[in-house]
Amino acid sequence: QVQLVESGGGLVQPGGSLRLSCAASGIIISSRPVFWYRQSPGKQREWVAQITAEGPPAFADSVKGRFSISRDNAKNALYLQMNNLTPEDTAVYYCSTSSRFGTEYWGQGTQVTVSS
């Protein structure tokens, strides 16, 4: 059974940083495309960042230069380092991956709130 479990969210002041983690089990993510998405209240889920075999890590324009994505193959985990956070980054953040057969997997999400 594939599970993705996000953690690391919380309340942070504008300008602050958070590091989100996504622990994977039941699937080896080192060779799989991995993604971070986010969803704010009343808005559609938004792509944030990805690591795929097709190229270097990619980021949404809204987070470029502030966020970085990485994975630890030994821990089978994915990370999202978020710096210089703004209230517009407030959302539930989800990690996602897919199997070789195209099945998508999502975590339950972790809440990030940026507020003073």
PDB file of N, CA and C in Angstrom:
ATOM      1  N   GLN A   1       0.839  -1.188   0.000  1.00  0.00           N
ATOM      2  CA  GLN A   1       0.000   0.000   0.000  1.00  0.00           C
ATOM      3  C   GLN A   1       0.881   1.247   0.000  1.00  0.00           C
ATOM      4  N   VAL A   2       0.629   2.120  -0.938  1.00  0.00           N
ATOM      5  CA  VAL A   2       1.417   3.336  -1.052  1.00  0.00           C
ATOM      6  C   VAL A   2       0.872   4.391  -0.091  1.00  0.00           C
ATOM      7  N   GLN A   3       1.772   5.001   0.636  1.00  0.00           N
ATOM      8  CA  GLN A   3       1.405   6.106   1.509  1.00  0.00           C
ATOM      9  C   GLN A   3       2.390   7.237   1.360  1.00  0.00           C
ATOM     10  N   LEU A   4       1.865   8.441   1.323  1.00  0.00           N
ATOM     11  CA  LEU A   4       2.669   9.655   1.361  1.00  0.00           C
ATOM     12  C   LEU A   4       2.194  10.454   2.563  1.00  0.00           C
ATOM     13  N   VAL A   5       3.119  10.813   3.427  1.00  0.00           N
ATOM     14  CA  VAL A   5       2.755  11.524   4.646  1.00  0.00           C
ATOM     15  C   VAL A   5       3.552  12.809   4.737  1.00  0.00           C
ATOM     16  N   GLU A   6       2.845  13.937   4.623  1.00  0.00           N
ATOM     17  CA  GLU A   6       3.486  15.243   4.730  1.00  0.00           C
ATOM     18  C   GLU A   6       3.594  15.662   6.192  1.00  0.00           C
ATOM     19  N   SER A   7       4.601  16.463   6.454  1.00  0.00           N
ATOM     20  CA  SER A   7       4.768  17.050   7.786  1.00  0.00           C
ATOM     21  C   SER A   7       5.584  18.324   7.649  1.00  0.00           C
ATOM     22  N   GLY A   8       5.643  19.071   8.730  1.00  0.00           N
ATOM     23  CA  GLY A   8       6.469  20.268   8.747  1.00  0.00           C
ATOM     24  C   GLY A   8       5.715  21.568   8.593  1.00  0.00           C
ATOM     25  N   GLY A   9       4.419  21.485   8.364  1.00  0.00           N
ATOM     26  CA  GLY A   9       3.650  22.710   8.257  1.00  0.00           C
ATOM     27  C   GLY A   9       3.483  23.384   9.599  1.00  0.00           C
ATOM     28  N   GLY A  10       2.915  24.582   9.552  1.00  0.00           N
ATOM     29  CA  GLY A  10       2.684  25.309  10.794  1.00  0.00           C
ATOM     30  C   GLY A  10       2.427  26.770  10.533  1.00  0.00           C
ATOM     31  N   LEU A  11       2.488  27.532  11.599  1.00  0.00           N
ATOM     32  CA  LEU A  11       2.288  28.982  11.547  1.00  0.00           C
ATOM     33  C   LEU A  11       3.650  29.665  11.536  1.00  0.00           C
ATOM     34  N   VAL A  12       3.838  30.547  10.579  1.00  0.00           N
ATOM     35  CA  VAL A  12       5.103  31.257  10.469  1.00  0.00           C
ATOM     36  C   VAL A  12       4.821  32.697  10.099  1.00  0.00           C
ATOM     37  N   GLN A  13       5.677  33.593  10.552  1.00  0.00           N
ATOM     38  CA  GLN A  13       5.508  35.009  10.222  1.00  0.00           C
ATOM     39  C   GLN A  13       5.990  35.288   8.803  1.00  0.00           C
ATOM     40  N   PRO A  14       5.459  36.326   8.192  1.00  0.00           N
ATOM     41  CA  PRO A  14       5.963  36.716   6.861  1.00  0.00           C
ATOM     42  C   PRO A  14       7.473  36.904   6.888  1.00  0.00           C
ATOM     43  N   GLY A  15       8.111  36.399   5.840  1.00  0.00           N
ATOM     44  CA  GLY A  15       9.564  36.441   5.778  1.00  0.00           C
ATOM     45  C   GLY A  15      10.240  35.226   6.377  1.00  0.00           C
ATOM     46  N   GLY A  16       9.473  34.400   7.036  1.00  0.00           N
ATOM     47  CA  GLY A  16      10.027  33.223   7.675  1.00  0.00           C
ATOM     48  C   GLY A  16      10.201  32.051   6.716  1.00  0.00           C
ATOM     49  N   SER A  17      10.644  30.945   7.280  1.00  0.00           N
ATOM     50  CA  SER A  17      10.928  29.746   6.490  1.00  0.00           C
ATOM     51  C   SER A  17      10.297  28.524   7.130  1.00  0.00           C
ATOM     52  N   LEU A  18       9.996  27.570   6.283  1.00  0.00           N
ATOM     53  CA  LEU A  18       9.542  26.261   6.724  1.00  0.00           C
ATOM     54  C   LEU A  18      10.116  25.215   5.791  1.00  0.00           C
ATOM     55  N   ARG A  19      10.294  24.024   6.317  1.00  0.00           N
ATOM     56  CA  ARG A  19      10.722  22.901   5.492  1.00  0.00           C
ATOM     57  C   ARG A  19       9.676  21.801   5.610  1.00  0.00           C
ATOM     58  N   LEU A  20       9.036  21.515   4.513  1.00  0.00           N
ATOM     59  CA  LEU A  20       8.047  20.443   4.493  1.00  0.00           C
ATOM     60  C   LEU A  20       8.717  19.133   4.116  1.00  0.00           C
ATOM     61  N   SER A  21       8.229  18.069   4.703  1.00  0.00           N
ATOM     62  CA  SER A  21       8.727  16.740   4.398  1.00  0.00           C
ATOM     63  C   SER A  21       7.584  15.869   3.895  1.00  0.00           C
ATOM     64  N   CYS A  22       7.932  14.912   3.085  1.00  0.00           N
ATOM     65  CA  CYS A  22       6.957  13.943   2.572  1.00  0.00           C
ATOM     66  C   CYS A  22       7.622  12.573   2.644  1.00  0.00           C
ATOM     67  N   ALA A  23       7.158  11.773   3.573  1.00  0.00           N
ATOM     68  CA  ALA A  23       7.701  10.425   3.741  1.00  0.00           C
ATOM     69  C   ALA A  23       6.890   9.440   2.909  1.00  0.00           C
ATOM     70  N   ALA A  24       7.576   8.696   2.065  1.00  0.00           N
ATOM     71  CA  ALA A  24       6.904   7.753   1.177  1.00  0.00           C
ATOM     72  C   ALA A  24       7.120   6.324   1.657  1.00  0.00           C
ATOM     73  N   SER A  25       6.099   5.520   1.521  1.00  0.00           N
ATOM     74  CA  SER A  25       6.202   4.090   1.782  1.00  0.00           C
ATOM     75  C   SER A  25       5.368   3.351   0.748  1.00  0.00           C
ATOM     76  N   GLY A  26       5.796   2.141   0.434  1.00  0.00           N
ATOM     77  CA  GLY A  26       5.085   1.352  -0.569  1.00  0.00           C
ATOM     78  C   GLY A  26       5.453   1.695  -1.998  1.00  0.00           C
ATOM     79  N   ILE A  27       6.307   2.679  -2.181  1.00  0.00           N
ATOM     80  CA  ILE A  27       6.776   3.082  -3.499  1.00  0.00           C
ATOM     81  C   ILE A  27       8.146   3.725  -3.320  1.00  0.00           C
ATOM     82  N   ILE A  28       9.049   3.433  -4.239  1.00  0.00           N
ATOM     83  CA  ILE A  28      10.379   4.035  -4.195  1.00  0.00           C
ATOM     84  C   ILE A  28      10.345   5.290  -5.058  1.00  0.00           C
ATOM     85  N   ILE A  29      10.474   6.448  -4.442  1.00  0.00           N
ATOM     86  CA  ILE A  29      10.275   7.688  -5.180  1.00  0.00           C
ATOM     87  C   ILE A  29      11.542   8.193  -5.859  1.00  0.00           C
ATOM     88  N   SER A  30      12.678   7.510  -5.635  1.00  0.00           N
ATOM     89  CA  SER A  30      13.925   8.001  -6.227  1.00  0.00           C
ATOM     90  C   SER A  30      13.865   8.011  -7.745  1.00  0.00           C
ATOM     91  N   SER A  31      13.088   7.113  -8.333  1.00  0.00           N
ATOM     92  CA  SER A  31      13.015   7.041  -9.782  1.00  0.00           C
ATOM     93  C   SER A  31      11.665   7.508 -10.322  1.00  0.00           C
ATOM     94  N   ARG A  32      10.869   8.069  -9.442  1.00  0.00           N
ATOM     95  CA  ARG A  32       9.542   8.507  -9.853  1.00  0.00           C
ATOM     96  C   ARG A  32       9.468  10.025  -9.905  1.00  0.00           C
ATOM     97  N   PRO A  33       8.611  10.572 -10.748  1.00  0.00           N
ATOM     98  CA  PRO A  33       8.382  12.012 -10.695  1.00  0.00           C
ATOM     99  C   PRO A  33       7.694  12.358  -9.382  1.00  0.00           C
ATOM    100  N   VAL A  34       8.105  13.445  -8.785  1.00  0.00           N
ATOM    101  CA  VAL A  34       7.531  13.860  -7.504  1.00  0.00           C
ATOM    102  C   VAL A  34       7.142  15.324  -7.589  1.00  0.00           C
ATOM    103  N   PHE A  35       6.089  15.655  -6.924  1.00  0.00           N
ATOM    104  CA  PHE A  35       5.490  16.985  -7.038  1.00  0.00           C
ATOM    105  C   PHE A  35       5.065  17.510  -5.673  1.00  0.00           C
ATOM    106  N   TRP A  36       5.065  18.822  -5.566  1.00  0.00           N
ATOM    107  CA  TRP A  36       4.398  19.528  -4.484  1.00  0.00           C
ATOM    108  C   TRP A  36       3.299  20.387  -5.101  1.00  0.00           C
ATOM    109  N   TYR A  37       2.133  20.326  -4.495  1.00  0.00           N
ATOM    110  CA  TYR A  37       1.002  21.164  -4.856  1.00  0.00           C
ATOM    111  C   TYR A  37       0.519  21.870  -3.593  1.00  0.00           C
ATOM    112  N   ARG A  38      -0.313  22.878  -3.787  1.00  0.00           N
ATOM    113  CA  ARG A  38      -0.929  23.540  -2.644  1.00  0.00           C
ATOM    114  C   ARG A  38      -2.335  23.979  -3.012  1.00  0.00           C
ATOM    115  N   GLN A  39      -3.138  24.136  -1.993  1.00  0.00           N
ATOM    116  CA  GLN A  39      -4.513  24.575  -2.197  1.00  0.00           C
ATOM    117  C   GLN A  39      -4.914  25.522  -1.088  1.00  0.00           C
ATOM    118  N   SER A  40      -5.322  26.716  -1.507  1.00  0.00           N
ATOM    119  CA  SER A  40      -5.825  27.718  -0.576  1.00  0.00           C
ATOM    120  C   SER A  40      -7.342  27.646  -0.557  1.00  0.00           C
ATOM    121  N   PRO A  41      -7.963  28.098   0.530  1.00  0.00           N
ATOM    122  CA  PRO A  41      -9.431  28.061   0.601  1.00  0.00           C
ATOM    123  C   PRO A  41     -10.070  28.785  -0.576  1.00  0.00           C
ATOM    124  N   GLY A  42     -11.017  28.120  -1.208  1.00  0.00           N
ATOM    125  CA  GLY A  42     -11.741  28.734  -2.311  1.00  0.00           C
ATOM    126  C   GLY A  42     -10.994  28.721  -3.633  1.00  0.00           C
ATOM    127  N   LYS A  43      -9.805  28.135  -3.651  1.00  0.00           N
ATOM    128  CA  LYS A  43      -9.020  28.102  -4.886  1.00  0.00           C
ATOM    129  C   LYS A  43      -8.756  26.667  -5.309  1.00  0.00           C
ATOM    130  N   GLN A  44      -8.451  26.530  -6.585  1.00  0.00           N
ATOM    131  CA  GLN A  44      -8.092  25.208  -7.095  1.00  0.00           C
ATOM    132  C   GLN A  44      -6.689  24.820  -6.632  1.00  0.00           C
ATOM    133  N   ARG A  45      -6.456  23.515  -6.609  1.00  0.00           N
ATOM    134  CA  ARG A  45      -5.122  23.051  -6.257  1.00  0.00           C
ATOM    135  C   ARG A  45      -4.123  23.569  -7.287  1.00  0.00           C
ATOM    136  N   GLU A  46      -2.981  24.032  -6.811  1.00  0.00           N
ATOM    137  CA  GLU A  46      -1.991  24.718  -7.642  1.00  0.00           C
ATOM    138  C   GLU A  46      -0.673  23.949  -7.593  1.00  0.00           C
ATOM    139  N   TRP A  47      -0.097  23.717  -8.737  1.00  0.00           N
ATOM    140  CA  TRP A  47       1.217  23.094  -8.807  1.00  0.00           C
ATOM    141  C   TRP A  47       2.267  24.052  -8.262  1.00  0.00           C
ATOM    142  N   VAL A  48       3.207  23.521  -7.472  1.00  0.00           N
ATOM    143  CA  VAL A  48       4.235  24.344  -6.850  1.00  0.00           C
ATOM    144  C   VAL A  48       5.625  24.008  -7.375  1.00  0.00           C
ATOM    145  N   ALA A  49       5.964  22.726  -7.357  1.00  0.00           N
ATOM    146  CA  ALA A  49       7.328  22.336  -7.730  1.00  0.00           C
ATOM    147  C   ALA A  49       7.347  20.868  -8.102  1.00  0.00           C
ATOM    148  N   GLN A  50       8.405  20.480  -8.811  1.00  0.00           N
ATOM    149  CA  GLN A  50       8.518  19.092  -9.211  1.00  0.00           C
ATOM    150  C   GLN A  50       9.962  18.692  -9.464  1.00  0.00           C
ATOM    151  N   ILE A  51      10.199  17.407  -9.338  1.00  0.00           N
ATOM    152  CA  ILE A  51      11.428  16.773  -9.803  1.00  0.00           C
ATOM    153  C   ILE A  51      10.983  15.637 -10.712  1.00  0.00           C
ATOM    154  N   THR A  52      11.424  15.684 -11.942  1.00  0.00           N
ATOM    155  CA  THR A  52      11.121  14.608 -12.879  1.00  0.00           C
ATOM    156  C   THR A  52      12.390  14.226 -13.619  1.00  0.00           C
ATOM    157  N   ALA A  53      12.296  13.158 -14.376  1.00  0.00           N
ATOM    158  CA  ALA A  53      13.457  12.702 -15.142  1.00  0.00           C
ATOM    159  C   ALA A  53      13.686  13.553 -16.386  1.00  0.00           C
ATOM    160  N   GLU A  54      12.697  14.392 -16.714  1.00  0.00           N
ATOM    161  CA  GLU A  54      12.767  15.152 -17.971  1.00  0.00           C
ATOM    162  C   GLU A  54      13.632  16.393 -17.886  1.00  0.00           C
ATOM    163  N   GLY A  55      14.023  16.784 -16.681  1.00  0.00           N
ATOM    164  CA  GLY A  55      14.822  17.997 -16.607  1.00  0.00           C
ATOM    165  C   GLY A  55      15.118  18.392 -15.181  1.00  0.00           C
ATOM    166  N   PRO A  56      15.660  19.589 -15.015  1.00  0.00           N
ATOM    167  CA  PRO A  56      15.978  20.062 -13.665  1.00  0.00           C
ATOM    168  C   PRO A  56      14.702  20.329 -12.875  1.00  0.00           C
ATOM    169  N   PRO A  57      14.824  20.483 -11.572  1.00  0.00           N
ATOM    170  CA  PRO A  57      13.641  20.832 -10.784  1.00  0.00           C
ATOM    171  C   PRO A  57      12.957  22.073 -11.345  1.00  0.00           C
ATOM    172  N   ALA A  58      11.642  22.067 -11.299  1.00  0.00           N
ATOM    173  CA  ALA A  58      10.872  23.176 -11.846  1.00  0.00           C
ATOM    174  C   ALA A  58       9.956  23.746 -10.769  1.00  0.00           C
ATOM    175  N   PHE A  59       9.678  25.029 -10.894  1.00  0.00           N
ATOM    176  CA  PHE A  59       8.913  25.742  -9.877  1.00  0.00           C
ATOM    177  C   PHE A  59       7.895  26.658 -10.525  1.00  0.00           C
ATOM    178  N   ALA A  60       6.784  26.832  -9.834  1.00  0.00           N
ATOM    179  CA  ALA A  60       5.826  27.831 -10.261  1.00  0.00           C
ATOM    180  C   ALA A  60       6.457  29.212 -10.145  1.00  0.00           C
ATOM    181  N   ASP A  61       6.054  30.115 -11.019  1.00  0.00           N
ATOM    182  CA  ASP A  61       6.623  31.463 -11.002  1.00  0.00           C
ATOM    183  C   ASP A  61       6.436  32.131  -9.641  1.00  0.00           C
ATOM    184  N   SER A  62       5.340  31.821  -8.974  1.00  0.00           N
ATOM    185  CA  SER A  62       5.023  32.479  -7.713  1.00  0.00           C
ATOM    186  C   SER A  62       5.986  32.105  -6.588  1.00  0.00           C
ATOM    187  N   VAL A  63       6.719  31.002  -6.747  1.00  0.00           N
ATOM    188  CA  VAL A  63       7.620  30.560  -5.683  1.00  0.00           C
ATOM    189  C   VAL A  63       9.074  30.501  -6.143  1.00  0.00           C
ATOM    190  N   LYS A  64       9.316  30.740  -7.406  1.00  0.00           N
ATOM    191  CA  LYS A  64      10.662  30.641  -7.959  1.00  0.00           C
ATOM    192  C   LYS A  64      11.608  31.579  -7.222  1.00  0.00           C
ATOM    193  N   GLY A  65      12.755  31.053  -6.862  1.00  0.00           N
ATOM    194  CA  GLY A  65      13.734  31.861  -6.138  1.00  0.00           C
ATOM    195  C   GLY A  65      13.551  31.834  -4.633  1.00  0.00           C
ATOM    196  N   ARG A  66      12.402  31.337  -4.162  1.00  0.00           N
ATOM    197  CA  ARG A  66      12.146  31.281  -2.722  1.00  0.00           C
ATOM    198  C   ARG A  66      12.042  29.839  -2.223  1.00  0.00           C
ATOM    199  N   PHE A  67      11.554  28.962  -3.068  1.00  0.00           N
ATOM    200  CA  PHE A  67      11.360  27.558  -2.680  1.00  0.00           C
ATOM    201  C   PHE A  67      12.396  26.682  -3.375  1.00  0.00           C
ATOM    202  N   SER A  68      12.753  25.600  -2.726  1.00  0.00           N
ATOM    203  CA  SER A  68      13.584  24.582  -3.356  1.00  0.00           C
ATOM    204  C   SER A  68      12.999  23.211  -3.041  1.00  0.00           C
ATOM    205  N   ILE A  69      13.245  22.280  -3.934  1.00  0.00           N
ATOM    206  CA  ILE A  69      12.717  20.929  -3.787  1.00  0.00           C
ATOM    207  C   ILE A  69      13.884  19.960  -3.825  1.00  0.00           C
ATOM    208  N   SER A  70      13.801  18.942  -2.997  1.00  0.00           N
ATOM    209  CA  SER A  70      14.865  17.944  -2.969  1.00  0.00           C
ATOM    210  C   SER A  70      14.286  16.621  -2.486  1.00  0.00           C
ATOM    211  N   ARG A  71      15.052  15.572  -2.673  1.00  0.00           N
ATOM    212  CA  ARG A  71      14.640  14.283  -2.134  1.00  0.00           C
ATOM    213  C   ARG A  71      15.850  13.541  -1.607  1.00  0.00           C
ATOM    214  N   ASP A  72      15.592  12.752  -0.602  1.00  0.00           N
ATOM    215  CA  ASP A  72      16.610  11.925   0.031  1.00  0.00           C
ATOM    216  C   ASP A  72      16.282  10.484  -0.315  1.00  0.00           C
ATOM    217  N   ASN A  73      17.050   9.932  -1.225  1.00  0.00           N
ATOM    218  CA  ASN A  73      16.742   8.582  -1.695  1.00  0.00           C
ATOM    219  C   ASN A  73      16.911   7.543  -0.586  1.00  0.00           C
ATOM    220  N   ALA A  74      17.856   7.776   0.292  1.00  0.00           N
ATOM    221  CA  ALA A  74      18.080   6.825   1.387  1.00  0.00           C
ATOM    222  C   ALA A  74      16.885   6.787   2.336  1.00  0.00           C
ATOM    223  N   LYS A  75      16.251   7.931   2.521  1.00  0.00           N
ATOM    224  CA  LYS A  75      15.094   8.006   3.416  1.00  0.00           C
ATOM    225  C   LYS A  75      13.774   7.853   2.664  1.00  0.00           C
ATOM    226  N   ASN A  76      13.860   7.784   1.342  1.00  0.00           N
ATOM    227  CA  ASN A  76      12.648   7.713   0.523  1.00  0.00           C
ATOM    228  C   ASN A  76      11.706   8.866   0.852  1.00  0.00           C
ATOM    229  N   ALA A  77      12.279  10.048   0.860  1.00  0.00           N
ATOM    230  CA  ALA A  77      11.527  11.232   1.288  1.00  0.00           C
ATOM    231  C   ALA A  77      11.739  12.386   0.331  1.00  0.00           C
ATOM    232  N   LEU A  78      10.769  13.253   0.323  1.00  0.00           N
ATOM    233  CA  LEU A  78      10.762  14.452  -0.514  1.00  0.00           C
ATOM    234  C   LEU A  78      10.655  15.661   0.408  1.00  0.00           C
ATOM    235  N   TYR A  79      11.283  16.767   0.013  1.00  0.00           N
ATOM    236  CA  TYR A  79      11.274  17.962   0.840  1.00  0.00           C
ATOM    237  C   TYR A  79      10.925  19.189   0.013  1.00  0.00           C
ATOM    238  N   LEU A  80      10.390  20.165   0.692  1.00  0.00           N
ATOM    239  CA  LEU A  80      10.159  21.475   0.097  1.00  0.00           C
ATOM    240  C   LEU A  80      10.643  22.515   1.092  1.00  0.00           C
ATOM    241  N   GLN A  81      11.729  23.179   0.751  1.00  0.00           N
ATOM    242  CA  GLN A  81      12.253  24.261   1.573  1.00  0.00           C
ATOM    243  C   GLN A  81      11.617  25.550   1.102  1.00  0.00           C
ATOM    244  N   MET A  82      10.953  26.232   2.011  1.00  0.00           N
ATOM    245  CA  MET A  82      10.236  27.451   1.673  1.00  0.00           C
ATOM    246  C   MET A  82      10.827  28.608   2.455  1.00  0.00           C
ATOM    247  N   ASN A  83      11.334  29.588   1.743  1.00  0.00           N
ATOM    248  CA  ASN A  83      11.941  30.758   2.363  1.00  0.00           C
ATOM    249  C   ASN A  83      11.185  32.020   1.982  1.00  0.00           C
ATOM    250  N   ASN A  84      11.387  33.053   2.767  1.00  0.00           N
ATOM    251  CA  ASN A  84      10.770  34.347   2.503  1.00  0.00           C
ATOM    252  C   ASN A  84       9.262  34.203   2.258  1.00  0.00           C
ATOM    253  N   LEU A  85       8.621  33.522   3.150  1.00  0.00           N
ATOM    254  CA  LEU A  85       7.193  33.232   2.987  1.00  0.00           C
ATOM    255  C   LEU A  85       6.347  34.497   3.093  1.00  0.00           C
ATOM    256  N   THR A  86       5.272  34.490   2.337  1.00  0.00           N
ATOM    257  CA  THR A  86       4.317  35.591   2.356  1.00  0.00           C
ATOM    258  C   THR A  86       2.926  35.036   2.681  1.00  0.00           C
ATOM    259  N   PRO A  87       1.997  35.902   3.068  1.00  0.00           N
ATOM    260  CA  PRO A  87       0.636  35.410   3.346  1.00  0.00           C
ATOM    261  C   PRO A  87       0.019  34.683   2.161  1.00  0.00           C
ATOM    262  N   GLU A  88       0.448  35.020   0.957  1.00  0.00           N
ATOM    263  CA  GLU A  88      -0.080  34.350  -0.238  1.00  0.00           C
ATOM    264  C   GLU A  88       0.360  32.894  -0.338  1.00  0.00           C
ATOM    265  N   ASP A  89       1.335  32.509   0.463  1.00  0.00           N
ATOM    266  CA  ASP A  89       1.778  31.106   0.489  1.00  0.00           C
ATOM    267  C   ASP A  89       0.924  30.259   1.429  1.00  0.00           C
ATOM    268  N   THR A  90       0.019  30.884   2.140  1.00  0.00           N
ATOM    269  CA  THR A  90      -0.854  30.131   3.043  1.00  0.00           C
ATOM    270  C   THR A  90      -1.707  29.149   2.260  1.00  0.00           C
ATOM    271  N   ALA A  91      -1.622  27.902   2.620  1.00  0.00           N
ATOM    272  CA  ALA A  91      -2.340  26.851   1.895  1.00  0.00           C
ATOM    273  C   ALA A  91      -2.088  25.510   2.575  1.00  0.00           C
ATOM    274  N   VAL A  92      -2.837  24.525   2.140  1.00  0.00           N
ATOM    275  CA  VAL A  92      -2.506  23.144   2.474  1.00  0.00           C
ATOM    276  C   VAL A  92      -1.584  22.632   1.369  1.00  0.00           C
ATOM    277  N   TYR A  93      -0.464  22.080   1.782  1.00  0.00           N
ATOM    278  CA  TYR A  93       0.550  21.618   0.832  1.00  0.00           C
ATOM    279  C   TYR A  93       0.492  20.087   0.750  1.00  0.00           C
ATOM    280  N   TYR A  94       0.512  19.610  -0.481  1.00  0.00           N
ATOM    281  CA  TYR A  94       0.418  18.178  -0.748  1.00  0.00           C
ATOM    282  C   TYR A  94       1.629  17.700  -1.555  1.00  0.00           C
ATOM    283  N   CYS A  95       2.109  16.515  -1.250  1.00  0.00           N
ATOM    284  CA  CYS A  95       3.089  15.882  -2.128  1.00  0.00           C
ATOM    285  C   CYS A  95       2.373  14.823  -2.950  1.00  0.00           C
ATOM    286  N   SER A  96       2.969  14.529  -4.093  1.00  0.00           N
ATOM    287  CA  SER A  96       2.335  13.592  -5.016  1.00  0.00           C
ATOM    288  C   SER A  96       3.411  12.875  -5.813  1.00  0.00           C
ATOM    289  N   THR A  97       3.086  11.659  -6.205  1.00  0.00           N
ATOM    290  CA  THR A  97       3.935  10.914  -7.111  1.00  0.00           C
ATOM    291  C   THR A  97       3.056   9.975  -7.927  1.00  0.00           C
ATOM    292  N   SER A  98       3.667   9.275  -8.850  1.00  0.00           N
ATOM    293  CA  SER A  98       2.905   8.337  -9.662  1.00  0.00           C
ATOM    294  C   SER A  98       3.725   7.077  -9.883  1.00  0.00           C
ATOM    295  N   SER A  99       3.028   5.988 -10.064  1.00  0.00           N
ATOM    296  CA  SER A  99       3.695   4.718 -10.323  1.00  0.00           C
ATOM    297  C   SER A  99       4.050   4.597 -11.802  1.00  0.00           C
ATOM    298  N   ARG A 100       4.768   3.543 -12.124  1.00  0.00           N
ATOM    299  CA  ARG A 100       5.111   3.266 -13.514  1.00  0.00           C
ATOM    300  C   ARG A 100       3.866   3.042 -14.363  1.00  0.00           C
ATOM    301  N   PHE A 101       2.774   2.681 -13.729  1.00  0.00           N
ATOM    302  CA  PHE A 101       1.539   2.391 -14.444  1.00  0.00           C
ATOM    303  C   PHE A 101       0.624   3.606 -14.515  1.00  0.00           C
ATOM    304  N   GLY A 102       1.098   4.730 -14.022  1.00  0.00           N
ATOM    305  CA  GLY A 102       0.331   5.957 -14.125  1.00  0.00           C
ATOM    306  C   GLY A 102      -0.602   6.238 -12.962  1.00  0.00           C
ATOM    307  N   THR A 103      -0.593   5.393 -11.963  1.00  0.00           N
ATOM    308  CA  THR A 103      -1.447   5.638 -10.800  1.00  0.00           C
ATOM    309  C   THR A 103      -0.889   6.794  -9.984  1.00  0.00           C
ATOM    310  N   GLU A 104      -1.722   7.754  -9.680  1.00  0.00           N
ATOM    311  CA  GLU A 104      -1.293   8.902  -8.886  1.00  0.00           C
ATOM    312  C   GLU A 104      -1.529   8.647  -7.402  1.00  0.00           C
ATOM    313  N   TYR A 105      -0.613   9.146  -6.612  1.00  0.00           N
ATOM    314  CA  TYR A 105      -0.730   9.042  -5.156  1.00  0.00           C
ATOM    315  C   TYR A 105      -0.552  10.419  -4.546  1.00  0.00           C
ATOM    316  N   TRP A 106      -1.349  10.670  -3.514  1.00  0.00           N
ATOM    317  CA  TRP A 106      -1.327  11.966  -2.835  1.00  0.00           C
ATOM    318  C   TRP A 106      -1.259  11.749  -1.333  1.00  0.00           C
ATOM    319  N   GLY A 107      -0.600  12.687  -0.684  1.00  0.00           N
ATOM    320  CA  GLY A 107      -0.632  12.692   0.770  1.00  0.00           C
ATOM    321  C   GLY A 107      -1.874  13.389   1.276  1.00  0.00           C
ATOM    322  N   GLN A 108      -2.003  13.460   2.583  1.00  0.00           N
ATOM    323  CA  GLN A 108      -3.188  14.065   3.193  1.00  0.00           C
ATOM    324  C   GLN A 108      -3.049  15.581   3.332  1.00  0.00           C
ATOM    325  N   GLY A 109      -1.836  16.073   3.129  1.00  0.00           N
ATOM    326  CA  GLY A 109      -1.614  17.513   3.177  1.00  0.00           C
ATOM    327  C   GLY A 109      -1.140  17.998   4.535  1.00  0.00           C
ATOM    328  N   THR A 110      -0.433  19.115   4.514  1.00  0.00           N
ATOM    329  CA  THR A 110       0.003  19.772   5.744  1.00  0.00           C
ATOM    330  C   THR A 110      -0.270  21.264   5.609  1.00  0.00           C
ATOM    331  N   GLN A 111      -0.830  21.844   6.647  1.00  0.00           N
ATOM    332  CA  GLN A 111      -1.251  23.245   6.598  1.00  0.00           C
ATOM    333  C   GLN A 111      -0.072  24.169   6.846  1.00  0.00           C
ATOM    334  N   VAL A 112       0.064  25.143   5.977  1.00  0.00           N
ATOM    335  CA  VAL A 112       1.040  26.218   6.152  1.00  0.00           C
ATOM    336  C   VAL A 112       0.272  27.525   6.254  1.00  0.00           C
ATOM    337  N   THR A 113       0.481  28.239   7.329  1.00  0.00           N
ATOM    338  CA  THR A 113      -0.171  29.522   7.536  1.00  0.00           C
ATOM    339  C   THR A 113       0.897  30.579   7.756  1.00  0.00           C
ATOM    340  N   VAL A 114       0.870  31.596   6.913  1.00  0.00           N
ATOM    341  CA  VAL A 114       1.828  32.693   7.018  1.00  0.00           C
ATOM    342  C   VAL A 114       1.066  33.926   7.478  1.00  0.00           C
ATOM    343  N   SER A 115       1.350  34.344   8.685  1.00  0.00           N
ATOM    344  CA  SER A 115       0.597  35.456   9.266  1.00  0.00           C
ATOM    345  C   SER A 115       1.403  36.085  10.386  1.00  0.00           C
ATOM    346  N   SER A 116       1.209  37.385  10.542  1.00  0.00           N
ATOM    347  CA  SER A 116       1.852  38.068  11.656  1.00  0.00           C
ATOM    348  C   SER A 116       0.916  38.140  12.851  1.00  0.00           C
TER     349      SER A 116
END
